[in-house]
Amino acid sequence: MMIYEIQQLIDRVITEQRIKRKAELNVLQAQIKPHFLYNTLESINSLILMEETEAACDVVDALGSYYRLSLSKGKEVITINEEIDIVKNYLNIQQIRYADLFSVQYKLDERAGSFKILKLVLQPLVENALYHGIRVKGEHGIISVETEYLQDFIRIKVEDDGVGMSEECIRRILDDSSDTGVSGFGLRGTIERLRIFYASDDCFRIESVIGLGTKITILIPVNGENGEGKYV
């Protein structure tokens, strides 16, 4: 019996390490985001050719800030304010690329800004809202980003009024044993990283209605083993 339990423990550790390595690779891919970089450089080139120099400079500034914060000198955690700045830079660039496709609303709790969060967990959420929610809808949409301090937790919500997702699609995304068929660093990679880092299966929630949109909620603990670095 003891041998069996030891083997189970070994298997679990191996599985967790495999998932962790995959999550770390996803982070590296997210930091670089080559397709996003190439597309943004093409947008800058187009703006220059159209003599929209001020807009081109704005994109260059946003792009530089985006990568500076994303790389963050190799740090695994950053402040929520820094994470929000990554989101703002990303969406500012996309608003220039996709003129009039979407607008953004921010409702940010100042009390939450100095708390730390696992890096690069919000950008994939707004990217999903843009590409799989609003852009698919084919008409103007709204992306909302909200932070709220709740004493024991920081609640972060990313919401869109796009096409929404079915219950089956949500189940596949949340079920770490299923294959969603989605490659790259998206919702699945974000969920894996959050679950590993915060040692919780309940820190990530998806609510969606077909035709109305999707709301994703993250709960970040402000105390405990991976929530102890509350302030910079």
C-alpha atoms as a PDB file:
ATOM      1  CA  MET A   1       0.000   0.000   0.000  1.00  0.00           C
ATOM      2  CA  MET A   2       2.805   2.388   0.904  1.00  0.00           C
ATOM      3  CA  ILE A   3       4.613   1.637  -2.378  1.00  0.00           C
ATOM      4  CA  TYR A   4       1.424   2.393  -4.305  1.00  0.00           C
ATOM      5  CA  GLU A   5       0.984   5.723  -2.494  1.00  0.00           C
ATOM      6  CA  ILE A   6       4.607   6.666  -3.143  1.00  0.00           C
ATOM      7  CA  GLN A   7       4.186   5.868  -6.837  1.00  0.00           C
ATOM      8  CA  GLN A   8       1.040   7.980  -6.953  1.00  0.00           C
ATOM      9  CA  LEU A   9       2.917  10.859  -5.366  1.00  0.00           C
ATOM     10  CA  ILE A  10       5.766  10.521  -7.870  1.00  0.00           C
ATOM     11  CA  ASP A  11       3.322  10.442 -10.784  1.00  0.00           C
ATOM     12  CA  ARG A  12       1.572  13.535  -9.478  1.00  0.00           C
ATOM     13  CA  VAL A  13       4.838  15.445  -9.094  1.00  0.00           C
ATOM     14  CA  ILE A  14       5.893  14.476 -12.624  1.00  0.00           C
ATOM     15  CA  THR A  15       2.550  15.621 -14.016  1.00  0.00           C
ATOM     16  CA  GLU A  16       2.696  18.919 -12.131  1.00  0.00           C
ATOM     17  CA  GLN A  17       6.240  19.574 -13.345  1.00  0.00           C
ATOM     18  CA  ARG A  18       5.219  18.838 -16.920  1.00  0.00           C
ATOM     19  CA  ILE A  19       2.314  21.269 -16.660  1.00  0.00           C
ATOM     20  CA  LYS A  20       4.566  23.868 -15.054  1.00  0.00           C
ATOM     21  CA  ARG A  21       7.158  23.592 -17.837  1.00  0.00           C
ATOM     22  CA  LYS A  22       4.426  23.958 -20.425  1.00  0.00           C
ATOM     23  CA  ALA A  23       3.087  27.026 -18.611  1.00  0.00           C
ATOM     24  CA  GLU A  24       6.584  28.545 -18.473  1.00  0.00           C
ATOM     25  CA  LEU A  25       6.963  28.031 -22.219  1.00  0.00           C
ATOM     26  CA  ASN A  26       3.599  29.697 -22.738  1.00  0.00           C
ATOM     27  CA  VAL A  27       4.844  32.705 -20.780  1.00  0.00           C
ATOM     28  CA  LEU A  28       7.897  33.007 -23.014  1.00  0.00           C
ATOM     29  CA  GLN A  29       5.681  32.836 -26.089  1.00  0.00           C
ATOM     30  CA  ALA A  30       3.360  35.462 -24.620  1.00  0.00           C
ATOM     31  CA  GLN A  31       6.248  37.786 -23.807  1.00  0.00           C
ATOM     32  CA  ILE A  32       7.497  37.728 -27.380  1.00  0.00           C
ATOM     33  CA  LYS A  33       4.173  37.406 -29.295  1.00  0.00           C
ATOM     34  CA  PRO A  34       5.864  37.446 -32.730  1.00  0.00           C
ATOM     35  CA  HIS A  35       2.641  37.736 -34.758  1.00  0.00           C
ATOM     36  CA  PHE A  36       1.514  40.700 -32.674  1.00  0.00           C
ATOM     37  CA  LEU A  37       4.933  42.314 -33.153  1.00  0.00           C
ATOM     38  CA  TYR A  38       4.961  41.745 -36.923  1.00  0.00           C
ATOM     39  CA  ASN A  39       1.417  43.048 -37.355  1.00  0.00           C
ATOM     40  CA  THR A  40       2.156  46.107 -35.251  1.00  0.00           C
ATOM     41  CA  LEU A  41       5.301  46.894 -37.235  1.00  0.00           C
ATOM     42  CA  GLU A  42       3.255  46.634 -40.427  1.00  0.00           C
ATOM     43  CA  SER A  43       0.729  49.055 -38.944  1.00  0.00           C
ATOM     44  CA  ILE A  44       3.513  51.492 -38.065  1.00  0.00           C
ATOM     45  CA  ASN A  45       4.867  51.244 -41.606  1.00  0.00           C
ATOM     46  CA  SER A  46       1.409  51.916 -43.059  1.00  0.00           C
ATOM     47  CA  LEU A  47       0.914  54.944 -40.824  1.00  0.00           C
ATOM     48  CA  ILE A  48       4.273  56.358 -41.892  1.00  0.00           C
ATOM     49  CA  LEU A  49       3.431  55.845 -45.577  1.00  0.00           C
ATOM     50  CA  MET A  50       0.144  57.680 -45.009  1.00  0.00           C
ATOM     51  CA  GLU A  51       2.116  60.447 -43.253  1.00  0.00           C
ATOM     52  CA  GLU A  52       0.248  59.777 -40.007  1.00  0.00           C
ATOM     53  CA  THR A  53       3.442  60.394 -38.076  1.00  0.00           C
ATOM     54  CA  GLU A  54       1.796  61.288 -34.754  1.00  0.00           C
ATOM     55  CA  ALA A  55      -0.247  58.072 -34.761  1.00  0.00           C
ATOM     56  CA  ALA A  56       2.861  56.093 -35.744  1.00  0.00           C
ATOM     57  CA  CYS A  57       4.777  57.591 -32.810  1.00  0.00           C
ATOM     58  CA  ASP A  58       1.917  56.698 -30.460  1.00  0.00           C
ATOM     59  CA  VAL A  59       2.064  53.071 -31.609  1.00  0.00           C
ATOM     60  CA  VAL A  60       5.852  52.961 -31.212  1.00  0.00           C
ATOM     61  CA  ASP A  61       5.558  54.319 -27.663  1.00  0.00           C
ATOM     62  CA  ALA A  62       2.807  51.825 -26.783  1.00  0.00           C
ATOM     63  CA  LEU A  63       4.741  48.935 -28.319  1.00  0.00           C
ATOM     64  CA  GLY A  64       7.924  49.783 -26.426  1.00  0.00           C
ATOM     65  CA  SER A  65       6.045  50.110 -23.148  1.00  0.00           C
ATOM     66  CA  TYR A  66       4.184  46.851 -23.796  1.00  0.00           C
ATOM     67  CA  TYR A  67       7.374  44.825 -24.233  1.00  0.00           C
ATOM     68  CA  ARG A  68       9.216  46.578 -21.413  1.00  0.00           C
ATOM     69  CA  LEU A  69       6.439  45.656 -18.979  1.00  0.00           C
ATOM     70  CA  SER A  70       5.894  42.174 -20.443  1.00  0.00           C
ATOM     71  CA  LEU A  71       9.535  41.235 -20.053  1.00  0.00           C
ATOM     72  CA  SER A  72       9.832  43.098 -16.703  1.00  0.00           C
ATOM     73  CA  LYS A  73      13.446  41.962 -16.242  1.00  0.00           C
ATOM     74  CA  GLY A  74      12.385  38.349 -15.846  1.00  0.00           C
ATOM     75  CA  LYS A  75      10.107  38.925 -12.855  1.00  0.00           C
ATOM     76  CA  GLU A  76       7.305  36.402 -12.376  1.00  0.00           C
ATOM     77  CA  VAL A  77       4.987  38.784 -10.565  1.00  0.00           C
ATOM     78  CA  ILE A  78       4.285  42.473 -11.105  1.00  0.00           C
ATOM     79  CA  THR A  79       1.849  44.960  -9.624  1.00  0.00           C
ATOM     80  CA  ILE A  80      -1.740  45.063 -10.797  1.00  0.00           C
ATOM     81  CA  ASN A  81      -1.109  48.615 -12.019  1.00  0.00           C
ATOM     82  CA  GLU A  82       1.714  47.314 -14.230  1.00  0.00           C
ATOM     83  CA  GLU A  83      -0.472  44.468 -15.488  1.00  0.00           C
ATOM     84  CA  ILE A  84      -3.222  46.961 -16.341  1.00  0.00           C
ATOM     85  CA  ASP A  85      -0.655  49.093 -18.199  1.00  0.00           C
ATOM     86  CA  ILE A  86       0.221  46.045 -20.319  1.00  0.00           C
ATOM     87  CA  VAL A  87      -3.467  45.678 -21.168  1.00  0.00           C
ATOM     88  CA  LYS A  88      -3.809  49.385 -21.970  1.00  0.00           C
ATOM     89  CA  ASN A  89      -0.787  49.377 -24.278  1.00  0.00           C
ATOM     90  CA  TYR A  90      -2.022  46.245 -26.038  1.00  0.00           C
ATOM     91  CA  LEU A  91      -5.537  47.597 -26.555  1.00  0.00           C
ATOM     92  CA  ASN A  92      -4.296  51.058 -27.599  1.00  0.00           C
ATOM     93  CA  ILE A  93      -2.316  49.416 -30.387  1.00  0.00           C
ATOM     94  CA  GLN A  94      -5.255  47.244 -31.422  1.00  0.00           C
ATOM     95  CA  GLN A  95      -7.587  50.250 -31.512  1.00  0.00           C
ATOM     96  CA  ILE A  96      -5.308  51.864 -34.073  1.00  0.00           C
ATOM     97  CA  ARG A  97      -5.164  48.627 -36.086  1.00  0.00           C
ATOM     98  CA  TYR A  98      -8.915  48.029 -35.884  1.00  0.00           C
ATOM     99  CA  ALA A  99     -10.330  51.536 -36.059  1.00  0.00           C
ATOM    100  CA  ASP A 100     -13.895  51.826 -34.713  1.00  0.00           C
ATOM    101  CA  LEU A 101     -14.152  48.070 -34.045  1.00  0.00           C
ATOM    102  CA  PHE A 102     -14.245  48.376 -30.266  1.00  0.00           C
ATOM    103  CA  SER A 103     -14.012  50.709 -27.309  1.00  0.00           C
ATOM    104  CA  VAL A 104     -12.650  50.047 -23.824  1.00  0.00           C
ATOM    105  CA  GLN A 105     -14.041  50.861 -20.398  1.00  0.00           C
ATOM    106  CA  TYR A 106     -11.908  50.760 -17.246  1.00  0.00           C
ATOM    107  CA  LYS A 107     -13.232  50.697 -13.692  1.00  0.00           C
ATOM    108  CA  LEU A 108     -10.145  50.428 -11.515  1.00  0.00           C
ATOM    109  CA  ASP A 109     -10.053  50.325  -7.726  1.00  0.00           C
ATOM    110  CA  GLU A 110      -7.052  52.396  -6.590  1.00  0.00           C
ATOM    111  CA  ARG A 111      -6.731  50.210  -3.485  1.00  0.00           C
ATOM    112  CA  ALA A 112      -5.929  47.202  -5.688  1.00  0.00           C
ATOM    113  CA  GLY A 113      -3.212  48.761  -7.820  1.00  0.00           C
ATOM    114  CA  SER A 114      -0.193  48.106  -5.586  1.00  0.00           C
ATOM    115  CA  PHE A 115      -0.963  44.443  -4.959  1.00  0.00           C
ATOM    116  CA  LYS A 116       1.033  41.914  -6.925  1.00  0.00           C
ATOM    117  CA  ILE A 117      -0.269  39.513  -9.530  1.00  0.00           C
ATOM    118  CA  LEU A 118       1.159  36.758 -11.677  1.00  0.00           C
ATOM    119  CA  LYS A 119       2.472  38.454 -14.799  1.00  0.00           C
ATOM    120  CA  LEU A 120       0.646  38.326 -18.149  1.00  0.00           C
ATOM    121  CA  VAL A 121      -2.681  36.885 -17.049  1.00  0.00           C
ATOM    122  CA  LEU A 122      -4.923  39.739 -18.210  1.00  0.00           C
ATOM    123  CA  GLN A 123      -3.609  40.393 -21.712  1.00  0.00           C
ATOM    124  CA  PRO A 124      -4.704  36.942 -22.966  1.00  0.00           C
ATOM    125  CA  LEU A 125      -8.193  37.669 -21.613  1.00  0.00           C
ATOM    126  CA  VAL A 126      -8.627  40.944 -23.498  1.00  0.00           C
ATOM    127  CA  GLU A 127      -7.090  39.321 -26.577  1.00  0.00           C
ATOM    128  CA  ASN A 128      -9.697  36.573 -26.352  1.00  0.00           C
ATOM    129  CA  ALA A 129     -12.443  39.182 -25.921  1.00  0.00           C
ATOM    130  CA  LEU A 130     -11.262  41.035 -29.019  1.00  0.00           C
ATOM    131  CA  TYR A 131     -10.557  38.166 -31.410  1.00  0.00           C
ATOM    132  CA  HIS A 132     -13.056  35.520 -30.310  1.00  0.00           C
ATOM    133  CA  GLY A 133     -15.817  37.784 -29.074  1.00  0.00           C
ATOM    134  CA  ILE A 134     -16.080  41.178 -30.727  1.00  0.00           C
ATOM    135  CA  ARG A 135     -14.221  40.669 -33.999  1.00  0.00           C
ATOM    136  CA  VAL A 136     -16.268  37.554 -34.775  1.00  0.00           C
ATOM    137  CA  LYS A 137     -19.445  39.549 -34.135  1.00  0.00           C
ATOM    138  CA  GLY A 138     -18.455  41.906 -36.926  1.00  0.00           C
ATOM    139  CA  GLU A 139     -19.747  45.108 -35.348  1.00  0.00           C
ATOM    140  CA  HIS A 140     -18.637  47.617 -32.752  1.00  0.00           C
ATOM    141  CA  GLY A 141     -18.184  46.132 -29.308  1.00  0.00           C
ATOM    142  CA  ILE A 142     -17.104  47.055 -25.812  1.00  0.00           C
ATOM    143  CA  ILE A 143     -14.385  45.501 -23.653  1.00  0.00           C
ATOM    144  CA  SER A 144     -14.612  46.255 -19.933  1.00  0.00           C
ATOM    145  CA  VAL A 145     -11.786  45.803 -17.431  1.00  0.00           C
ATOM    146  CA  GLU A 146     -12.548  46.111 -13.721  1.00  0.00           C
ATOM    147  CA  THR A 147     -10.526  45.651 -10.529  1.00  0.00           C
ATOM    148  CA  GLU A 148     -11.937  45.585  -7.008  1.00  0.00           C
ATOM    149  CA  TYR A 149     -10.303  45.234  -3.598  1.00  0.00           C
ATOM    150  CA  LEU A 150     -12.200  42.764  -1.368  1.00  0.00           C
ATOM    151  CA  GLN A 151      -9.869  42.567   1.680  1.00  0.00           C
ATOM    152  CA  ASP A 152      -8.927  38.892   1.254  1.00  0.00           C
ATOM    153  CA  PHE A 153      -8.994  38.968  -2.550  1.00  0.00           C
ATOM    154  CA  ILE A 154      -8.539  41.223  -5.518  1.00  0.00           C
ATOM    155  CA  ARG A 155     -11.318  40.587  -8.012  1.00  0.00           C
ATOM    156  CA  ILE A 156     -10.516  41.302 -11.651  1.00  0.00           C
ATOM    157  CA  LYS A 157     -13.152  41.104 -14.371  1.00  0.00           C
ATOM    158  CA  VAL A 158     -12.742  41.245 -18.142  1.00  0.00           C
ATOM    159  CA  GLU A 159     -16.033  41.443 -20.003  1.00  0.00           C
ATOM    160  CA  ASP A 160     -17.085  41.816 -23.629  1.00  0.00           C
ATOM    161  CA  ASP A 161     -20.366  42.055 -25.523  1.00  0.00           C
ATOM    162  CA  GLY A 162     -19.244  39.731 -28.304  1.00  0.00           C
ATOM    163  CA  VAL A 163     -20.685  36.480 -29.612  1.00  0.00           C
ATOM    164  CA  GLY A 164     -20.344  34.554 -26.346  1.00  0.00           C
ATOM    165  CA  MET A 165     -19.442  30.898 -25.749  1.00  0.00           C
ATOM    166  CA  SER A 166     -21.454  27.733 -25.291  1.00  0.00           C
ATOM    167  CA  GLU A 167     -21.457  25.819 -22.006  1.00  0.00           C
ATOM    168  CA  GLU A 168     -19.623  22.981 -23.734  1.00  0.00           C
ATOM    169  CA  CYS A 169     -16.871  25.331 -24.906  1.00  0.00           C
ATOM    170  CA  ILE A 170     -16.485  26.720 -21.377  1.00  0.00           C
ATOM    171  CA  ARG A 171     -16.340  23.207 -19.941  1.00  0.00           C
ATOM    172  CA  ARG A 172     -13.553  22.224 -22.349  1.00  0.00           C
ATOM    173  CA  ILE A 173     -11.561  25.343 -21.506  1.00  0.00           C
ATOM    174  CA  LEU A 174     -11.829  24.792 -17.757  1.00  0.00           C
ATOM    175  CA  ASP A 175     -11.242  21.029 -17.901  1.00  0.00           C
ATOM    176  CA  ASP A 176      -7.468  20.566 -17.847  1.00  0.00           C
ATOM    177  CA  SER A 177      -7.846  16.968 -19.026  1.00  0.00           C
ATOM    178  CA  SER A 178      -9.573  17.854 -22.281  1.00  0.00           C
ATOM    179  CA  ASP A 179      -8.141  19.021 -25.572  1.00  0.00           C
ATOM    180  CA  THR A 180      -9.722  22.275 -26.695  1.00  0.00           C
ATOM    181  CA  GLY A 181      -7.916  22.214 -30.006  1.00  0.00           C
ATOM    182  CA  VAL A 182      -6.726  25.733 -29.295  1.00  0.00           C
ATOM    183  CA  SER A 183      -3.019  26.307 -29.721  1.00  0.00           C
ATOM    184  CA  GLY A 184      -0.855  29.055 -28.325  1.00  0.00           C
ATOM    185  CA  PHE A 185      -1.070  31.093 -25.191  1.00  0.00           C
ATOM    186  CA  GLY A 186      -4.778  31.719 -24.525  1.00  0.00           C
ATOM    187  CA  LEU A 187      -7.338  31.027 -21.862  1.00  0.00           C
ATOM    188  CA  ARG A 188      -6.090  27.492 -21.200  1.00  0.00           C
ATOM    189  CA  GLY A 189      -2.513  28.621 -20.625  1.00  0.00           C
ATOM    190  CA  THR A 190      -3.691  31.398 -18.333  1.00  0.00           C
ATOM    191  CA  ILE A 191      -5.829  29.019 -16.292  1.00  0.00           C
ATOM    192  CA  GLU A 192      -2.954  26.543 -15.921  1.00  0.00           C
ATOM    193  CA  ARG A 193      -0.589  29.246 -14.688  1.00  0.00           C
ATOM    194  CA  LEU A 194      -3.105  30.638 -12.198  1.00  0.00           C
ATOM    195  CA  ARG A 195      -3.978  27.207 -10.822  1.00  0.00           C
ATOM    196  CA  ILE A 196      -0.334  26.278 -10.346  1.00  0.00           C
ATOM    197  CA  PHE A 197       0.838  29.579  -8.892  1.00  0.00           C
ATOM    198  CA  TYR A 198      -2.067  30.162  -6.513  1.00  0.00           C
ATOM    199  CA  ALA A 199      -2.632  26.452  -5.783  1.00  0.00           C
ATOM    200  CA  SER A 200      -6.348  26.837  -6.389  1.00  0.00           C
ATOM    201  CA  ASP A 201      -8.887  25.565  -8.910  1.00  0.00           C
ATOM    202  CA  ASP A 202     -11.365  28.297  -7.988  1.00  0.00           C
ATOM    203  CA  CYS A 203      -9.418  31.408  -8.951  1.00  0.00           C
ATOM    204  CA  PHE A 204     -10.791  31.549 -12.500  1.00  0.00           C
ATOM    205  CA  ARG A 205     -14.437  31.761 -13.591  1.00  0.00           C
ATOM    206  CA  ILE A 206     -16.049  32.065 -17.026  1.00  0.00           C
ATOM    207  CA  GLU A 207     -19.634  33.216 -17.541  1.00  0.00           C
ATOM    208  CA  SER A 208     -21.019  33.532 -21.046  1.00  0.00           C
ATOM    209  CA  VAL A 209     -24.266  33.772 -22.981  1.00  0.00           C
ATOM    210  CA  ILE A 210     -24.410  33.072 -26.703  1.00  0.00           C
ATOM    211  CA  GLY A 211     -25.091  36.308 -28.557  1.00  0.00           C
ATOM    212  CA  LEU A 212     -24.581  38.518 -25.494  1.00  0.00           C
ATOM    213  CA  GLY A 213     -20.933  38.163 -24.522  1.00  0.00           C
ATOM    214  CA  THR A 214     -18.504  36.737 -22.004  1.00  0.00           C
ATOM    215  CA  LYS A 215     -17.318  37.707 -18.526  1.00  0.00           C
ATOM    216  CA  ILE A 216     -14.138  36.259 -17.034  1.00  0.00           C
ATOM    217  CA  THR A 217     -13.381  36.734 -13.350  1.00  0.00           C
ATOM    218  CA  ILE A 218     -10.066  36.165 -11.580  1.00  0.00           C
ATOM    219  CA  LEU A 219      -9.706  36.100  -7.796  1.00  0.00           C
ATOM    220  CA  ILE A 220      -6.204  36.939  -6.567  1.00  0.00           C
ATOM    221  CA  PRO A 221      -5.476  36.218  -2.868  1.00  0.00           C
ATOM    222  CA  VAL A 222      -3.788  39.041  -0.992  1.00  0.00           C
ATOM    223  CA  ASN A 223      -2.473  36.761   1.763  1.00  0.00           C
ATOM    224  CA  GLY A 224      -0.921  33.323   1.840  1.00  0.00           C
ATOM    225  CA  GLU A 225       2.063  31.671   0.232  1.00  0.00           C
ATOM    226  CA  ASN A 226       1.674  33.265  -3.193  1.00  0.00           C
ATOM    227  CA  GLY A 227      -0.275  36.320  -2.149  1.00  0.00           C
ATOM    228  CA  GLU A 228       2.077  37.533   0.537  1.00  0.00           C
ATOM    229  CA  GLY A 229       3.925  40.075  -1.592  1.00  0.00           C
ATOM    230  CA  LYS A 230       1.059  42.504  -1.247  1.00  0.00           C
ATOM    231  CA  TYR A 231       2.902  45.732  -1.897  1.00  0.00           C
ATOM    232  CA  VAL A 232       5.959  46.713  -3.835  1.00  0.00           C
END
